[in-house]
Structures are given as structure tokens and as C-alpha cells.
C-alpha atoms as a PDB file:
ATOM      1  CA  MET A   1     -65.208  76.035   9.162  1.00  0.00           C
ATOM      2  CA  GLY A   2     -64.229  72.999   7.132  1.00  0.00           C
ATOM      3  CA  LYS A   3     -67.198  70.650   6.922  1.00  0.00           C
ATOM      4  CA  LEU A   4     -69.854  73.304   7.463  1.00  0.00           C
ATOM      5  CA  SER A   5     -68.682  75.365   4.503  1.00  0.00           C
ATOM      6  CA  ARG A   6     -69.005  72.322   2.248  1.00  0.00           C
ATOM      7  CA  ASN A   7     -72.711  72.025   3.035  1.00  0.00           C
ATOM      8  CA  LEU A   8     -73.822  75.535   2.141  1.00  0.00           C
ATOM      9  CA  ARG A   9     -76.751  75.822  -0.246  1.00  0.00           C
ATOM     10  CA  ILE A  10     -78.707  78.621  -1.880  1.00  0.00           C
ATOM     11  CA  CYS A  11     -82.454  78.099  -2.055  1.00  0.00           C
ATOM     12  CA  GLY A  12     -83.623  78.044  -5.673  1.00  0.00           C
ATOM     13  CA  ASN A  13     -86.978  79.461  -4.663  1.00  0.00           C
ATOM     14  CA  CYS A  14     -86.395  82.358  -2.239  1.00  0.00           C
ATOM     15  CA  GLY A  15     -82.627  82.773  -2.661  1.00  0.00           C
ATOM     16  CA  ILE A  16     -81.414  82.609   0.928  1.00  0.00           C
ATOM     17  CA  ALA A  17     -78.254  80.724   1.844  1.00  0.00           C
ATOM     18  CA  TYR A  18     -78.490  77.983   4.420  1.00  0.00           C
ATOM     19  CA  SER A  19     -76.483  75.015   5.645  1.00  0.00           C
ATOM     20  CA  SER A  20     -77.750  71.520   4.877  1.00  0.00           C
ATOM     21  CA  VAL A  21     -76.322  70.195   8.142  1.00  0.00           C
ATOM     22  CA  SER A  22     -77.185  71.340  11.642  1.00  0.00           C
ATOM     23  CA  PHE A  23     -75.761  69.937  14.850  1.00  0.00           C
ATOM     24  CA  THR A  24     -78.618  67.490  15.271  1.00  0.00           C
ATOM     25  CA  LYS A  25     -79.964  66.593  11.843  1.00  0.00           C
ATOM     26  CA  TYR A  26     -79.572  66.770   8.072  1.00  0.00           C
ATOM     27  CA  ILE A  27     -81.669  69.519   6.472  1.00  0.00           C
ATOM     28  CA  ASP A  28     -82.973  68.748   2.981  1.00  0.00           C
ATOM     29  CA  GLN A  29     -85.188  71.782   2.451  1.00  0.00           C
ATOM     30  CA  CYS A  30     -85.114  75.554   2.828  1.00  0.00           C
ATOM     31  CA  PRO A  31     -85.842  76.608   6.442  1.00  0.00           C
ATOM     32  CA  ILE A  32     -87.876  79.611   5.235  1.00  0.00           C
ATOM     33  CA  CYS A  33     -90.033  78.489   2.294  1.00  0.00           C
ATOM     34  CA  ARG A  34     -89.602  74.668   2.584  1.00  0.00           C
ATOM     35  CA  SER A  35     -88.512  74.382  -1.045  1.00  0.00           C
ATOM     36  CA  ARG A  36     -86.275  71.435  -1.918  1.00  0.00           C
ATOM     37  CA  ARG A  37     -84.846  73.244  -4.964  1.00  0.00           C
ATOM     38  CA  TYR A  38     -81.340  74.477  -4.266  1.00  0.00           C
ATOM     39  CA  GLU A  39     -77.890  75.121  -5.710  1.00  0.00           C
ATOM     40  CA  ARG A  40     -74.680  74.102  -4.006  1.00  0.00           C
ATOM     41  CA  ILE A  41     -72.191  76.808  -3.135  1.00  0.00           C
ATOM     42  CA  SER A  42     -68.648  75.831  -3.969  1.00  0.00           C
ATOM     43  CA  VAL A  43     -66.260  77.292  -1.424  1.00  0.00           C
ATOM     44  CA  LYS A  44     -62.603  77.388  -2.381  1.00  0.00           C
ATOM     45  CA  ASP A  45     -60.135  77.147   0.466  1.00  0.00           C
ATOM     46  CA  GLN A  46     -57.715  80.058   0.421  1.00  0.00           C
ATOM     47  CA  GLY A  47     -54.909  78.288   2.257  1.00  0.00           C
ATOM     48  CA  ASP A  48     -52.519  79.955   4.690  1.00  0.00           C
ATOM     49  CA  SER A  49     -50.546  82.320   2.507  1.00  0.00           C
END
């Protein structure tokens, strides 16, 4: 997962989670409601324990 998990966002308007990076372009707005208001999701790596 690595880089993809670092780009997860939650839309501040409709609340869905989406990635700000696709394979072809950078996404700066919610794919559903087109809102640019979002919160970053901090993902902590668990490690290999």
C-alpha cells in the first residue's frame, strides 16, 4: 500500500473516503460531490511484528 495509503482523504462535505492520487492524475476534489473541503487520514504503519 505504501504511497496510496498516505494520500487518503475524507470529504468534509459528504464524508466519503477517497484517494487524492489515481494512476493517471492528482485528484484535488471529492469524486462524488466535487467539494474541495477534506481532512487527511493519518495511517500508522503496523510494522511486521
